[in-house]
Amino acid sequence: MSAINDSLQQLMAIDGAQACAVVDYGSGMLLGAAGGGLDLELAAGGNTEVMRSKVKTMQMLGLDDSIDDILITLGKQYHLIRPLAKASDLFAYYVLDKSKANLALARRKLAEVGDALEV
């Protein structure tokens, strides 16, 4: 799990980062988490449903494509969900303070970490 923890610490180093996690897409189980401010176990389960719903919708539409990331913009936060490149059954979840974060840099860092993480 040190690879997961190292990756999560890299994400937490970005300005505005509040929390992040690695989640098993099949079970909704939280595999690692950093930061706080919200119940990350509950968020893991809920965002698993978001991923499943999007995959199902893409299948119904006949889209032969993959998800790079999913962005949910709230009043005060950005929530990013990104499937891991080397572990298709896992995704990274990232919460950022909207007033402090640079969304473009955060998405880039999440892509970098998500593409490199091997579990």
C-alpha atoms as a PDB file:
ATOM      1  CA  MET A   1       0.000   0.000   0.000  1.00  0.00           C
ATOM      2  CA  SER A   2       2.997   2.341   0.134  1.00  0.00           C
ATOM      3  CA  ALA A   3       2.593   3.052  -3.603  1.00  0.00           C
ATOM      4  CA  ILE A   4      -0.977   4.172  -2.954  1.00  0.00           C
ATOM      5  CA  ASN A   5       0.018   6.281   0.046  1.00  0.00           C
ATOM      6  CA  ASP A   6       2.901   7.894  -1.856  1.00  0.00           C
ATOM      7  CA  SER A   7       0.573   8.727  -4.742  1.00  0.00           C
ATOM      8  CA  LEU A   8      -2.041  10.201  -2.410  1.00  0.00           C
ATOM      9  CA  GLN A   9       0.598  12.376  -0.729  1.00  0.00           C
ATOM     10  CA  GLN A  10       1.641  13.695  -4.157  1.00  0.00           C
ATOM     11  CA  LEU A  11      -1.972  14.720  -4.797  1.00  0.00           C
ATOM     12  CA  MET A  12      -2.288  16.373  -1.381  1.00  0.00           C
ATOM     13  CA  ALA A  13       0.743  18.573  -2.186  1.00  0.00           C
ATOM     14  CA  ILE A  14      -1.271  20.525  -4.802  1.00  0.00           C
ATOM     15  CA  ASP A  15      -2.673  23.897  -3.657  1.00  0.00           C
ATOM     16  CA  GLY A  16      -6.301  23.571  -2.647  1.00  0.00           C
ATOM     17  CA  ALA A  17      -6.224  19.776  -2.178  1.00  0.00           C
ATOM     18  CA  GLN A  18      -8.599  18.734   0.592  1.00  0.00           C
ATOM     19  CA  ALA A  19      -8.848  14.958   0.247  1.00  0.00           C
ATOM     20  CA  CYS A  20      -8.095  12.091  -2.096  1.00  0.00           C
ATOM     21  CA  ALA A  21      -8.582   8.364  -2.260  1.00  0.00           C
ATOM     22  CA  VAL A  22      -8.063   5.228  -4.307  1.00  0.00           C
ATOM     23  CA  VAL A  23     -11.215   3.162  -4.644  1.00  0.00           C
ATOM     24  CA  ASP A  24     -11.995  -0.350  -5.893  1.00  0.00           C
ATOM     25  CA  TYR A  25     -14.575   0.097  -8.666  1.00  0.00           C
ATOM     26  CA  GLY A  26     -16.068  -3.375  -8.221  1.00  0.00           C
ATOM     27  CA  SER A  27     -16.795  -3.227  -4.513  1.00  0.00           C
ATOM     28  CA  GLY A  28     -16.731   0.489  -3.712  1.00  0.00           C
ATOM     29  CA  MET A  29     -14.112  -0.239  -1.064  1.00  0.00           C
ATOM     30  CA  LEU A  30     -11.665   2.468  -0.042  1.00  0.00           C
ATOM     31  CA  LEU A  31      -8.070   1.232  -0.555  1.00  0.00           C
ATOM     32  CA  GLY A  32      -6.278   4.337   0.633  1.00  0.00           C
ATOM     33  CA  ALA A  33      -7.115   7.895   1.626  1.00  0.00           C
ATOM     34  CA  ALA A  34      -5.496  11.179   2.594  1.00  0.00           C
ATOM     35  CA  GLY A  35      -6.838  14.500   3.797  1.00  0.00           C
ATOM     36  CA  GLY A  36     -10.242  15.011   5.302  1.00  0.00           C
ATOM     37  CA  GLY A  37     -13.246  17.221   5.629  1.00  0.00           C
ATOM     38  CA  LEU A  38     -15.653  14.545   4.429  1.00  0.00           C
ATOM     39  CA  ASP A  39     -16.387  10.862   5.021  1.00  0.00           C
ATOM     40  CA  LEU A  40     -14.136   9.281   2.405  1.00  0.00           C
ATOM     41  CA  GLU A  41     -15.579   5.792   2.896  1.00  0.00           C
ATOM     42  CA  LEU A  42     -19.047   7.114   2.110  1.00  0.00           C
ATOM     43  CA  ALA A  43     -17.663   9.127  -0.807  1.00  0.00           C
ATOM     44  CA  ALA A  44     -15.923   6.003  -2.153  1.00  0.00           C
ATOM     45  CA  GLY A  45     -19.186   4.079  -2.257  1.00  0.00           C
ATOM     46  CA  GLY A  46     -21.144   6.966  -3.739  1.00  0.00           C
ATOM     47  CA  ASN A  47     -18.602   7.724  -6.431  1.00  0.00           C
ATOM     48  CA  THR A  48     -18.468   4.050  -7.355  1.00  0.00           C
ATOM     49  CA  GLU A  49     -22.116   4.479  -8.340  1.00  0.00           C
ATOM     50  CA  VAL A  50     -21.187   7.551 -10.426  1.00  0.00           C
ATOM     51  CA  MET A  51     -18.563   5.507 -12.297  1.00  0.00           C
ATOM     52  CA  ARG A  52     -20.915   2.573 -12.833  1.00  0.00           C
ATOM     53  CA  SER A  53     -23.651   4.875 -14.097  1.00  0.00           C
ATOM     54  CA  LYS A  54     -21.350   6.584 -16.590  1.00  0.00           C
ATOM     55  CA  VAL A  55     -19.960   3.280 -17.883  1.00  0.00           C
ATOM     56  CA  LYS A  56     -23.496   1.918 -18.273  1.00  0.00           C
ATOM     57  CA  THR A  57     -24.627   5.051 -20.127  1.00  0.00           C
ATOM     58  CA  MET A  58     -21.653   4.850 -22.471  1.00  0.00           C
ATOM     59  CA  GLN A  59     -22.498   1.209 -23.210  1.00  0.00           C
ATOM     60  CA  MET A  60     -26.162   2.057 -23.886  1.00  0.00           C
ATOM     61  CA  LEU A  61     -25.059   4.807 -26.269  1.00  0.00           C
ATOM     62  CA  GLY A  62     -22.732   2.411 -28.045  1.00  0.00           C
ATOM     63  CA  LEU A  63     -19.703   4.602 -27.355  1.00  0.00           C
ATOM     64  CA  ASP A  64     -16.442   2.790 -27.955  1.00  0.00           C
ATOM     65  CA  ASP A  65     -14.394   5.052 -25.720  1.00  0.00           C
ATOM     66  CA  SER A  66     -12.954   5.326 -22.237  1.00  0.00           C
ATOM     67  CA  ILE A  67     -13.309   7.795 -19.370  1.00  0.00           C
ATOM     68  CA  ASP A  68     -10.364  10.151 -18.874  1.00  0.00           C
ATOM     69  CA  ASP A  69     -11.934  11.762 -15.850  1.00  0.00           C
ATOM     70  CA  ILE A  70     -15.239  12.931 -14.434  1.00  0.00           C
ATOM     71  CA  LEU A  71     -15.481  16.451 -13.031  1.00  0.00           C
ATOM     72  CA  ILE A  72     -18.192  17.431 -10.582  1.00  0.00           C
ATOM     73  CA  THR A  73     -18.256  21.138  -9.822  1.00  0.00           C
ATOM     74  CA  LEU A  74     -19.891  22.189  -6.556  1.00  0.00           C
ATOM     75  CA  GLY A  75     -20.265  25.681  -5.154  1.00  0.00           C
ATOM     76  CA  LYS A  76     -17.074  25.460  -3.092  1.00  0.00           C
ATOM     77  CA  GLN A  77     -15.328  22.339  -4.352  1.00  0.00           C
ATOM     78  CA  TYR A  78     -14.196  20.388  -7.372  1.00  0.00           C
ATOM     79  CA  HIS A  79     -14.542  16.603  -7.233  1.00  0.00           C
ATOM     80  CA  LEU A  80     -12.511  14.626  -9.754  1.00  0.00           C
ATOM     81  CA  ILE A  81     -12.826  10.918 -10.506  1.00  0.00           C
ATOM     82  CA  ARG A  82     -10.200   9.240 -12.693  1.00  0.00           C
ATOM     83  CA  PRO A  83      -9.866   5.551 -13.581  1.00  0.00           C
ATOM     84  CA  LEU A  84      -6.316   4.286 -13.021  1.00  0.00           C
ATOM     85  CA  ALA A  85      -4.457   3.449 -16.229  1.00  0.00           C
ATOM     86  CA  LYS A  86      -2.689   0.353 -14.897  1.00  0.00           C
ATOM     87  CA  ALA A  87      -5.579  -0.993 -12.817  1.00  0.00           C
ATOM     88  CA  SER A  88      -8.894  -0.700 -14.661  1.00  0.00           C
ATOM     89  CA  ASP A  89     -10.817  -1.866 -11.596  1.00  0.00           C
ATOM     90  CA  LEU A  90      -9.630   1.127  -9.529  1.00  0.00           C
ATOM     91  CA  PHE A  91     -10.187   4.871  -9.643  1.00  0.00           C
ATOM     92  CA  ALA A  92      -8.757   7.911  -7.918  1.00  0.00           C
ATOM     93  CA  TYR A  93     -11.047  10.407  -6.223  1.00  0.00           C
ATOM     94  CA  TYR A  94      -9.816  13.945  -5.595  1.00  0.00           C
ATOM     95  CA  VAL A  95     -11.467  16.822  -3.718  1.00  0.00           C
ATOM     96  CA  LEU A  96     -10.218  20.382  -4.171  1.00  0.00           C
ATOM     97  CA  ASP A  97     -11.130  23.737  -2.640  1.00  0.00           C
ATOM     98  CA  LYS A  98     -12.492  25.693  -5.594  1.00  0.00           C
ATOM     99  CA  SER A  99     -11.237  29.050  -4.281  1.00  0.00           C
ATOM    100  CA  LYS A 100      -7.625  27.850  -3.930  1.00  0.00           C
ATOM    101  CA  ALA A 101      -7.091  25.168  -6.550  1.00  0.00           C
ATOM    102  CA  ASN A 102      -5.923  25.523 -10.117  1.00  0.00           C
ATOM    103  CA  LEU A 103      -8.183  22.992 -11.829  1.00  0.00           C
ATOM    104  CA  ALA A 104      -5.939  22.531 -14.870  1.00  0.00           C
ATOM    105  CA  LEU A 105      -2.876  21.788 -12.737  1.00  0.00           C
ATOM    106  CA  ALA A 106      -4.849  19.480 -10.449  1.00  0.00           C
ATOM    107  CA  ARG A 107      -6.231  17.498 -13.400  1.00  0.00           C
ATOM    108  CA  ARG A 108      -2.740  17.230 -14.847  1.00  0.00           C
ATOM    109  CA  LYS A 109      -1.310  16.002 -11.541  1.00  0.00           C
ATOM    110  CA  LEU A 110      -4.159  13.517 -11.117  1.00  0.00           C
ATOM    111  CA  ALA A 111      -3.500  12.168 -14.636  1.00  0.00           C
ATOM    112  CA  GLU A 112       0.226  11.871 -13.920  1.00  0.00           C
ATOM    113  CA  VAL A 113      -0.288  10.085 -10.612  1.00  0.00           C
ATOM    114  CA  GLY A 114      -3.146   7.953 -11.914  1.00  0.00           C
ATOM    115  CA  ASP A 115      -1.212   6.834 -14.964  1.00  0.00           C
ATOM    116  CA  ALA A 116       1.866   5.894 -12.924  1.00  0.00           C
ATOM    117  CA  LEU A 117       0.198   4.142  -9.976  1.00  0.00           C
ATOM    118  CA  GLU A 118       0.542   0.361  -9.977  1.00  0.00           C
ATOM    119  CA  VAL A 119      -1.330  -1.625  -7.338  1.00  0.00           C
END
